[in-house]
N, C-alpha and C. Protein backbone atom coordinates (compact mmCIF):
# COMPACT_ATOMS: atom_id res chain seq x y z
N MET A 1 22.88 12.93 -8.83
CA MET A 1 23.97 12.92 -9.76
C MET A 1 24.97 13.99 -9.36
N LYS A 2 26.22 13.62 -9.37
CA LYS A 2 27.26 14.52 -8.90
C LYS A 2 28.37 14.60 -9.95
N CYS A 3 28.95 15.79 -10.08
CA CYS A 3 30.07 16.02 -10.98
C CYS A 3 31.11 16.82 -10.22
N THR A 4 32.35 16.37 -10.24
CA THR A 4 33.44 17.10 -9.60
C THR A 4 34.53 17.36 -10.63
N GLY A 5 35.35 18.35 -10.36
CA GLY A 5 36.43 18.62 -11.28
C GLY A 5 37.15 19.91 -10.98
N GLN A 6 38.03 20.25 -11.91
CA GLN A 6 38.81 21.48 -11.84
C GLN A 6 39.14 21.86 -13.28
N ILE A 7 39.01 23.11 -13.61
CA ILE A 7 39.20 23.57 -14.98
C ILE A 7 40.64 24.06 -15.16
N SER A 8 41.33 23.51 -16.16
CA SER A 8 42.68 23.95 -16.48
C SER A 8 42.63 25.05 -17.54
N GLU A 9 43.76 25.68 -17.79
CA GLU A 9 43.81 26.72 -18.81
C GLU A 9 43.45 26.15 -20.18
N GLN A 10 43.95 24.97 -20.48
CA GLN A 10 43.64 24.31 -21.75
C GLN A 10 42.13 24.02 -21.86
N ASP A 11 41.54 23.56 -20.77
CA ASP A 11 40.09 23.32 -20.74
C ASP A 11 39.33 24.61 -21.01
N PHE A 12 39.76 25.70 -20.36
CA PHE A 12 39.07 26.98 -20.50
C PHE A 12 39.09 27.46 -21.95
N VAL A 13 40.22 27.32 -22.63
CA VAL A 13 40.32 27.71 -24.03
C VAL A 13 39.41 26.82 -24.89
N ALA A 14 39.39 25.52 -24.61
CA ALA A 14 38.52 24.60 -25.36
C ALA A 14 37.05 24.96 -25.17
N VAL A 15 36.70 25.36 -23.96
CA VAL A 15 35.31 25.75 -23.67
C VAL A 15 34.94 27.02 -24.44
N GLN A 16 35.87 27.95 -24.55
CA GLN A 16 35.60 29.17 -25.30
C GLN A 16 35.33 28.87 -26.78
N TRP A 17 36.10 27.91 -27.34
CA TRP A 17 35.83 27.50 -28.73
C TRP A 17 34.45 26.85 -28.82
N LEU A 18 34.09 26.04 -27.82
CA LEU A 18 32.76 25.42 -27.81
C LEU A 18 31.68 26.51 -27.74
N HIS A 19 31.92 27.52 -26.93
CA HIS A 19 30.97 28.63 -26.81
C HIS A 19 30.76 29.33 -28.16
N LEU A 20 31.82 29.46 -28.94
CA LEU A 20 31.74 30.13 -30.24
C LEU A 20 31.21 29.24 -31.36
N ARG A 21 31.07 27.96 -31.08
CA ARG A 21 30.66 27.01 -32.12
C ARG A 21 29.35 27.45 -32.77
N LEU A 22 29.36 27.42 -34.08
CA LEU A 22 28.18 27.83 -34.84
C LEU A 22 27.23 26.66 -35.05
N ARG A 23 25.99 26.99 -35.33
CA ARG A 23 25.02 25.95 -35.68
C ARG A 23 25.42 25.33 -37.01
N PRO A 24 25.01 24.09 -37.28
CA PRO A 24 25.47 23.38 -38.48
C PRO A 24 25.27 24.14 -39.79
N VAL A 25 24.15 24.80 -39.96
CA VAL A 25 23.90 25.50 -41.23
C VAL A 25 24.90 26.64 -41.41
N PHE A 26 25.23 27.34 -40.33
CA PHE A 26 26.20 28.43 -40.42
C PHE A 26 27.62 27.91 -40.60
N ARG A 27 27.90 26.72 -40.04
CA ARG A 27 29.22 26.12 -40.26
C ARG A 27 29.43 25.80 -41.73
N VAL A 28 28.41 25.24 -42.38
CA VAL A 28 28.50 24.91 -43.81
C VAL A 28 28.68 26.18 -44.63
N LEU A 29 27.86 27.20 -44.35
CA LEU A 29 27.98 28.47 -45.07
C LEU A 29 29.35 29.11 -44.84
N GLY A 30 29.81 29.07 -43.62
CA GLY A 30 31.12 29.63 -43.29
C GLY A 30 32.24 28.90 -44.01
N LEU A 31 32.15 27.57 -44.07
CA LEU A 31 33.16 26.79 -44.77
C LEU A 31 33.17 27.12 -46.25
N LEU A 32 32.00 27.25 -46.85
CA LEU A 32 31.93 27.64 -48.26
C LEU A 32 32.54 29.01 -48.50
N LEU A 33 32.24 29.95 -47.61
CA LEU A 33 32.81 31.29 -47.74
C LEU A 33 34.33 31.26 -47.58
N LEU A 34 34.83 30.45 -46.65
CA LEU A 34 36.28 30.34 -46.48
C LEU A 34 36.95 29.76 -47.72
N VAL A 35 36.34 28.75 -48.32
CA VAL A 35 36.90 28.16 -49.53
C VAL A 35 36.94 29.20 -50.65
N LEU A 36 35.84 29.94 -50.82
CA LEU A 36 35.81 31.00 -51.83
C LEU A 36 36.85 32.08 -51.53
N TRP A 37 36.94 32.47 -50.28
CA TRP A 37 37.88 33.51 -49.86
C TRP A 37 39.31 33.10 -50.18
N PHE A 38 39.71 31.90 -49.76
CA PHE A 38 41.09 31.47 -49.97
C PHE A 38 41.40 31.19 -51.43
N SER A 39 40.44 30.68 -52.19
CA SER A 39 40.69 30.47 -53.62
C SER A 39 40.87 31.82 -54.33
N ALA A 40 40.07 32.81 -53.96
CA ALA A 40 40.23 34.15 -54.53
C ALA A 40 41.56 34.76 -54.11
N LEU A 41 41.93 34.57 -52.85
CA LEU A 41 43.20 35.11 -52.35
C LEU A 41 44.39 34.47 -53.07
N ILE A 42 44.37 33.17 -53.22
CA ILE A 42 45.46 32.48 -53.92
C ILE A 42 45.54 32.94 -55.37
N SER A 43 44.40 33.07 -56.01
CA SER A 43 44.37 33.55 -57.39
C SER A 43 44.98 34.95 -57.49
N LYS A 44 44.59 35.84 -56.59
CA LYS A 44 45.13 37.20 -56.60
C LYS A 44 46.61 37.21 -56.25
N PHE A 45 47.01 36.36 -55.32
CA PHE A 45 48.42 36.30 -54.92
C PHE A 45 49.30 35.85 -56.09
N LEU A 46 48.81 34.86 -56.84
CA LEU A 46 49.57 34.37 -57.99
C LEU A 46 49.66 35.43 -59.10
N GLN A 47 48.64 36.25 -59.24
CA GLN A 47 48.65 37.31 -60.25
C GLN A 47 49.39 38.54 -59.76
N GLY A 48 49.55 38.67 -58.47
CA GLY A 48 50.19 39.84 -57.90
C GLY A 48 49.15 40.78 -57.32
N LEU A 49 49.40 41.22 -56.13
CA LEU A 49 48.47 42.15 -55.46
C LEU A 49 48.81 43.56 -55.91
N GLU A 50 48.11 44.04 -56.92
CA GLU A 50 48.45 45.33 -57.53
C GLU A 50 47.62 46.48 -57.01
N SER A 51 46.33 46.31 -56.91
CA SER A 51 45.48 47.43 -56.52
C SER A 51 45.37 47.52 -55.00
N PRO A 52 45.01 48.70 -54.49
CA PRO A 52 44.83 48.85 -53.04
C PRO A 52 43.76 47.91 -52.48
N VAL A 53 42.72 47.65 -53.24
CA VAL A 53 41.66 46.75 -52.78
C VAL A 53 42.23 45.34 -52.58
N GLU A 54 43.07 44.91 -53.48
CA GLU A 54 43.67 43.58 -53.36
C GLU A 54 44.61 43.51 -52.17
N ARG A 55 45.31 44.59 -51.89
CA ARG A 55 46.20 44.62 -50.72
C ARG A 55 45.38 44.57 -49.43
N VAL A 56 44.29 45.30 -49.39
CA VAL A 56 43.40 45.26 -48.23
C VAL A 56 42.84 43.85 -48.05
N PHE A 57 42.48 43.22 -49.15
CA PHE A 57 41.98 41.85 -49.14
C PHE A 57 43.01 40.90 -48.50
N GLY A 58 44.25 41.03 -48.90
CA GLY A 58 45.33 40.21 -48.32
C GLY A 58 45.57 40.54 -46.86
N PHE A 59 45.56 41.83 -46.52
CA PHE A 59 45.75 42.24 -45.13
C PHE A 59 44.64 41.71 -44.24
N ALA A 60 43.40 41.77 -44.72
CA ALA A 60 42.26 41.28 -43.94
C ALA A 60 42.40 39.80 -43.65
N THR A 61 42.91 39.06 -44.61
CA THR A 61 43.11 37.62 -44.40
C THR A 61 44.16 37.37 -43.32
N VAL A 62 45.29 38.05 -43.42
CA VAL A 62 46.35 37.89 -42.42
C VAL A 62 45.83 38.32 -41.04
N TYR A 63 45.09 39.40 -40.99
CA TYR A 63 44.54 39.89 -39.73
C TYR A 63 43.62 38.85 -39.09
N CYS A 64 42.72 38.26 -39.88
CA CYS A 64 41.79 37.25 -39.34
C CYS A 64 42.53 36.02 -38.83
N VAL A 65 43.53 35.58 -39.58
CA VAL A 65 44.31 34.41 -39.15
C VAL A 65 45.01 34.72 -37.83
N LEU A 66 45.62 35.90 -37.72
CA LEU A 66 46.29 36.27 -36.47
C LEU A 66 45.30 36.41 -35.32
N MET A 67 44.14 37.01 -35.57
CA MET A 67 43.16 37.20 -34.50
C MET A 67 42.68 35.86 -33.95
N PHE A 68 42.21 34.98 -34.84
CA PHE A 68 41.63 33.72 -34.36
C PHE A 68 42.69 32.67 -34.03
N GLY A 69 43.87 32.80 -34.58
CA GLY A 69 44.91 31.82 -34.30
C GLY A 69 45.82 32.19 -33.14
N PHE A 70 45.89 33.49 -32.81
CA PHE A 70 46.84 33.91 -31.78
C PHE A 70 46.23 34.84 -30.73
N PHE A 71 45.71 35.99 -31.16
CA PHE A 71 45.31 37.02 -30.19
C PHE A 71 44.10 36.63 -29.34
N ILE A 72 43.07 36.07 -29.93
CA ILE A 72 41.88 35.69 -29.16
C ILE A 72 42.19 34.57 -28.17
N PRO A 73 42.86 33.46 -28.59
CA PRO A 73 43.22 32.45 -27.58
C PRO A 73 44.15 33.00 -26.49
N ARG A 74 45.02 33.93 -26.84
CA ARG A 74 45.90 34.54 -25.85
C ARG A 74 45.08 35.33 -24.82
N LYS A 75 44.05 36.02 -25.29
CA LYS A 75 43.16 36.77 -24.40
C LYS A 75 42.41 35.83 -23.46
N TRP A 76 41.96 34.69 -23.99
CA TRP A 76 41.27 33.70 -23.15
C TRP A 76 42.20 33.18 -22.06
N LYS A 77 43.47 32.94 -22.40
CA LYS A 77 44.44 32.45 -21.41
C LYS A 77 44.67 33.50 -20.32
N LYS A 78 44.72 34.76 -20.72
CA LYS A 78 44.88 35.84 -19.75
C LYS A 78 43.66 35.90 -18.82
N THR A 79 42.48 35.76 -19.39
CA THR A 79 41.26 35.76 -18.59
C THR A 79 41.29 34.61 -17.58
N TYR A 80 41.73 33.44 -18.01
CA TYR A 80 41.83 32.29 -17.10
C TYR A 80 42.79 32.61 -15.94
N ARG A 81 43.94 33.18 -16.26
CA ARG A 81 44.93 33.49 -15.21
C ARG A 81 44.38 34.51 -14.21
N GLU A 82 43.54 35.44 -14.66
CA GLU A 82 42.98 36.46 -13.77
C GLU A 82 41.77 35.97 -12.97
N TYR A 83 41.09 34.95 -13.46
CA TYR A 83 39.83 34.47 -12.87
C TYR A 83 40.15 33.41 -11.81
N LYS A 84 40.26 33.83 -10.56
CA LYS A 84 40.70 32.94 -9.49
C LYS A 84 39.74 31.79 -9.21
N LEU A 85 38.44 32.05 -9.27
CA LEU A 85 37.46 31.02 -8.92
C LEU A 85 37.44 29.86 -9.91
N ILE A 86 37.75 30.11 -11.17
CA ILE A 86 37.67 29.05 -12.18
C ILE A 86 38.72 27.96 -11.95
N LYS A 87 39.80 28.31 -11.26
CA LYS A 87 40.90 27.36 -11.04
C LYS A 87 40.65 26.41 -9.87
N GLU A 88 39.68 26.72 -9.04
CA GLU A 88 39.47 25.93 -7.83
C GLU A 88 38.67 24.66 -8.11
N PRO A 89 38.91 23.61 -7.32
CA PRO A 89 38.09 22.40 -7.44
C PRO A 89 36.63 22.71 -7.14
N PHE A 90 35.73 22.02 -7.80
CA PHE A 90 34.30 22.29 -7.63
C PHE A 90 33.53 20.98 -7.61
N GLU A 91 32.27 21.12 -7.20
CA GLU A 91 31.34 19.99 -7.21
C GLU A 91 29.98 20.52 -7.64
N TRP A 92 29.36 19.82 -8.56
CA TRP A 92 28.00 20.13 -8.99
C TRP A 92 27.12 18.96 -8.60
N GLY A 93 25.94 19.26 -8.09
CA GLY A 93 24.95 18.24 -7.79
C GLY A 93 23.66 18.57 -8.52
N PHE A 94 23.12 17.60 -9.22
CA PHE A 94 21.91 17.83 -10.04
C PHE A 94 20.75 17.02 -9.48
N ALA A 95 19.67 17.70 -9.16
CA ALA A 95 18.46 17.06 -8.65
C ALA A 95 17.26 17.58 -9.43
N GLU A 96 16.11 16.96 -9.22
CA GLU A 96 14.89 17.37 -9.94
C GLU A 96 14.49 18.81 -9.66
N ASP A 97 14.69 19.26 -8.42
CA ASP A 97 14.19 20.59 -8.06
C ASP A 97 15.22 21.70 -8.18
N LYS A 98 16.52 21.38 -8.03
CA LYS A 98 17.55 22.43 -8.08
C LYS A 98 18.93 21.84 -8.33
N ILE A 99 19.88 22.75 -8.50
CA ILE A 99 21.28 22.38 -8.74
C ILE A 99 22.12 22.94 -7.59
N LEU A 100 23.06 22.15 -7.13
CA LEU A 100 24.00 22.59 -6.10
C LEU A 100 25.34 22.86 -6.77
N SER A 101 25.89 24.03 -6.50
CA SER A 101 27.24 24.39 -6.95
C SER A 101 28.07 24.63 -5.70
N LYS A 102 29.19 23.91 -5.58
CA LYS A 102 29.96 23.97 -4.34
C LYS A 102 31.44 24.08 -4.64
N THR A 103 32.13 25.02 -3.96
CA THR A 103 33.59 25.15 -4.00
C THR A 103 34.08 25.32 -2.57
N GLU A 104 35.39 25.48 -2.41
CA GLU A 104 35.94 25.72 -1.08
C GLU A 104 35.49 27.07 -0.52
N ARG A 105 35.14 28.00 -1.37
CA ARG A 105 34.75 29.35 -0.94
C ARG A 105 33.28 29.48 -0.59
N GLY A 106 32.47 28.49 -0.99
CA GLY A 106 31.05 28.58 -0.68
C GLY A 106 30.23 27.63 -1.52
N GLU A 107 28.92 27.70 -1.30
CA GLU A 107 28.02 26.86 -2.08
C GLU A 107 26.75 27.64 -2.39
N ALA A 108 26.11 27.22 -3.47
CA ALA A 108 24.88 27.90 -3.90
C ALA A 108 23.91 26.87 -4.45
N PHE A 109 22.64 27.10 -4.19
CA PHE A 109 21.58 26.30 -4.79
C PHE A 109 20.95 27.14 -5.88
N LEU A 110 20.84 26.58 -7.06
CA LEU A 110 20.29 27.30 -8.20
C LEU A 110 19.03 26.59 -8.68
N GLU A 111 18.01 27.37 -8.91
CA GLU A 111 16.79 26.83 -9.50
C GLU A 111 17.04 26.59 -10.99
N TRP A 112 16.33 25.65 -11.55
CA TRP A 112 16.51 25.33 -12.96
C TRP A 112 16.14 26.49 -13.87
N ASP A 113 15.22 27.34 -13.43
CA ASP A 113 14.76 28.41 -14.32
C ASP A 113 15.77 29.54 -14.51
N VAL A 114 16.90 29.51 -13.79
CA VAL A 114 17.93 30.53 -14.03
C VAL A 114 18.73 30.26 -15.30
N PHE A 115 18.62 29.04 -15.83
CA PHE A 115 19.37 28.67 -17.03
C PHE A 115 18.49 28.86 -18.26
N ILE A 116 19.05 29.52 -19.28
CA ILE A 116 18.28 29.81 -20.48
C ILE A 116 18.54 28.82 -21.62
N LYS A 117 19.72 28.19 -21.60
CA LYS A 117 20.05 27.21 -22.64
C LYS A 117 21.25 26.40 -22.17
N TRP A 118 21.57 25.37 -22.94
CA TRP A 118 22.75 24.57 -22.65
C TRP A 118 23.33 24.07 -23.96
N ARG A 119 24.61 23.74 -23.91
CA ARG A 119 25.33 23.29 -25.10
C ARG A 119 26.21 22.11 -24.71
N GLU A 120 26.27 21.13 -25.59
CA GLU A 120 27.07 19.94 -25.33
C GLU A 120 28.22 19.85 -26.32
N GLY A 121 29.41 19.59 -25.81
CA GLY A 121 30.59 19.34 -26.62
C GLY A 121 31.11 17.95 -26.35
N LYS A 122 32.26 17.62 -26.88
CA LYS A 122 32.84 16.29 -26.67
C LYS A 122 33.25 16.07 -25.22
N LYS A 123 33.82 17.11 -24.59
CA LYS A 123 34.33 16.96 -23.23
C LYS A 123 33.58 17.77 -22.18
N PHE A 124 32.77 18.75 -22.62
CA PHE A 124 32.14 19.66 -21.67
C PHE A 124 30.68 19.90 -22.00
N ILE A 125 29.95 20.29 -20.97
CA ILE A 125 28.58 20.77 -21.11
C ILE A 125 28.58 22.19 -20.56
N LEU A 126 27.97 23.10 -21.28
CA LEU A 126 27.88 24.48 -20.84
C LEU A 126 26.44 24.79 -20.46
N LEU A 127 26.23 25.29 -19.27
CA LEU A 127 24.91 25.74 -18.81
C LEU A 127 24.92 27.26 -18.79
N TYR A 128 24.05 27.86 -19.58
CA TYR A 128 24.04 29.32 -19.75
C TYR A 128 23.01 29.98 -18.84
N GLN A 129 23.46 31.00 -18.10
CA GLN A 129 22.56 31.86 -17.33
C GLN A 129 22.24 33.12 -18.11
N ALA A 130 23.05 33.44 -19.09
CA ALA A 130 22.85 34.54 -20.04
C ALA A 130 23.57 34.12 -21.32
N SER A 131 23.38 34.87 -22.38
CA SER A 131 23.96 34.45 -23.66
C SER A 131 25.48 34.43 -23.64
N ASN A 132 26.09 35.17 -22.73
CA ASN A 132 27.55 35.20 -22.65
C ASN A 132 28.09 34.78 -21.28
N MET A 133 27.25 34.16 -20.46
CA MET A 133 27.65 33.74 -19.11
C MET A 133 27.28 32.28 -18.91
N MET A 134 28.31 31.43 -18.76
CA MET A 134 28.04 30.00 -18.70
C MET A 134 28.78 29.34 -17.55
N ASN A 135 28.23 28.21 -17.13
CA ASN A 135 28.87 27.34 -16.16
C ASN A 135 29.42 26.13 -16.90
N ILE A 136 30.63 25.72 -16.54
CA ILE A 136 31.33 24.64 -17.24
C ILE A 136 31.18 23.35 -16.45
N ILE A 137 30.64 22.33 -17.10
CA ILE A 137 30.48 21.01 -16.48
C ILE A 137 31.32 20.02 -17.29
N PRO A 138 32.40 19.48 -16.72
CA PRO A 138 33.20 18.50 -17.47
C PRO A 138 32.51 17.13 -17.47
N LYS A 139 32.43 16.52 -18.63
CA LYS A 139 31.77 15.22 -18.73
C LYS A 139 32.53 14.15 -17.95
N ASP A 140 33.85 14.25 -17.92
CA ASP A 140 34.62 13.22 -17.21
C ASP A 140 34.57 13.39 -15.70
N GLY A 141 33.88 14.42 -15.20
CA GLY A 141 33.74 14.63 -13.77
C GLY A 141 32.62 13.84 -13.13
N PHE A 142 31.76 13.21 -13.96
CA PHE A 142 30.68 12.39 -13.42
C PHE A 142 31.24 11.04 -12.98
N GLU A 143 30.66 10.49 -11.93
CA GLU A 143 31.15 9.22 -11.38
C GLU A 143 30.91 8.05 -12.31
N SER A 144 29.84 8.14 -13.11
CA SER A 144 29.53 7.03 -14.01
C SER A 144 28.84 7.57 -15.27
N GLU A 145 28.77 6.74 -16.27
CA GLU A 145 28.08 7.08 -17.51
C GLU A 145 26.58 7.28 -17.25
N GLU A 146 26.04 6.51 -16.32
CA GLU A 146 24.63 6.65 -15.98
C GLU A 146 24.34 8.02 -15.37
N ASP A 147 25.26 8.50 -14.52
CA ASP A 147 25.09 9.84 -13.94
C ASP A 147 25.12 10.91 -15.02
N LEU A 148 26.05 10.79 -15.96
CA LEU A 148 26.13 11.74 -17.06
C LEU A 148 24.84 11.73 -17.89
N ASN A 149 24.38 10.55 -18.23
CA ASN A 149 23.14 10.44 -19.02
C ASN A 149 21.94 10.97 -18.24
N GLY A 150 21.90 10.71 -16.94
CA GLY A 150 20.81 11.23 -16.11
C GLY A 150 20.83 12.75 -16.05
N ALA A 151 22.02 13.33 -15.92
CA ALA A 151 22.12 14.80 -15.88
C ALA A 151 21.70 15.39 -17.23
N MET A 152 22.12 14.78 -18.31
CA MET A 152 21.74 15.31 -19.62
C MET A 152 20.24 15.19 -19.85
N LYS A 153 19.63 14.13 -19.31
CA LYS A 153 18.18 13.99 -19.40
C LYS A 153 17.50 15.13 -18.62
N LEU A 154 18.04 15.45 -17.44
CA LEU A 154 17.51 16.57 -16.66
C LEU A 154 17.66 17.89 -17.42
N PHE A 155 18.81 18.09 -18.07
CA PHE A 155 19.02 19.33 -18.84
C PHE A 155 17.95 19.46 -19.93
N ARG A 156 17.67 18.35 -20.61
CA ARG A 156 16.66 18.39 -21.68
C ARG A 156 15.27 18.70 -21.12
N GLU A 157 14.96 18.08 -19.98
CA GLU A 157 13.63 18.29 -19.38
C GLU A 157 13.47 19.70 -18.80
N LYS A 158 14.49 20.18 -18.12
CA LYS A 158 14.37 21.44 -17.38
C LYS A 158 14.75 22.68 -18.20
N ILE A 159 15.70 22.53 -19.14
CA ILE A 159 16.18 23.69 -19.90
C ILE A 159 15.71 23.64 -21.35
N GLY A 160 15.58 22.45 -21.90
CA GLY A 160 15.16 22.31 -23.30
C GLY A 160 16.24 21.64 -24.13
N LYS A 161 16.03 21.67 -25.41
CA LYS A 161 16.96 21.06 -26.36
C LYS A 161 18.30 21.81 -26.35
N ALA A 162 19.39 21.06 -26.45
CA ALA A 162 20.72 21.68 -26.50
C ALA A 162 20.87 22.50 -27.77
N VAL A 163 21.60 23.60 -27.66
CA VAL A 163 21.85 24.45 -28.84
C VAL A 163 23.23 24.19 -29.40
């Protein structure tokens, strides 16, 4: 099974969001907390932000919106621009005994045991060598749906259940 591709800046940002994706139970809890947070903020805003605690509450909300809506994605884009290897075309080959990673600059054979976990998104699969270090596999880079399904079967067998 073979996968080829090239990662764009937009892809890199999407992968970072996938990397941050929470487990379903935490997503539900987070959504409930956000609803409570914004309903309390709207209530306080309508009454007027009078005390210092209420002003801090409003500032924290604006800060979080700016961080996750602007500053963090901007940092990811800067990282993409600085990371020369991520922009180059690549090829991944998946076999029972090892994985081949190949670019114009070189190639490497990786044993399956170097990967600790994997994550699947709509467009990408992330193979983790550490909790914050991942390899990006684009789903549309596989030659066929059978190759994609075969690779995902290998990921389940060799690495375990997707997180």
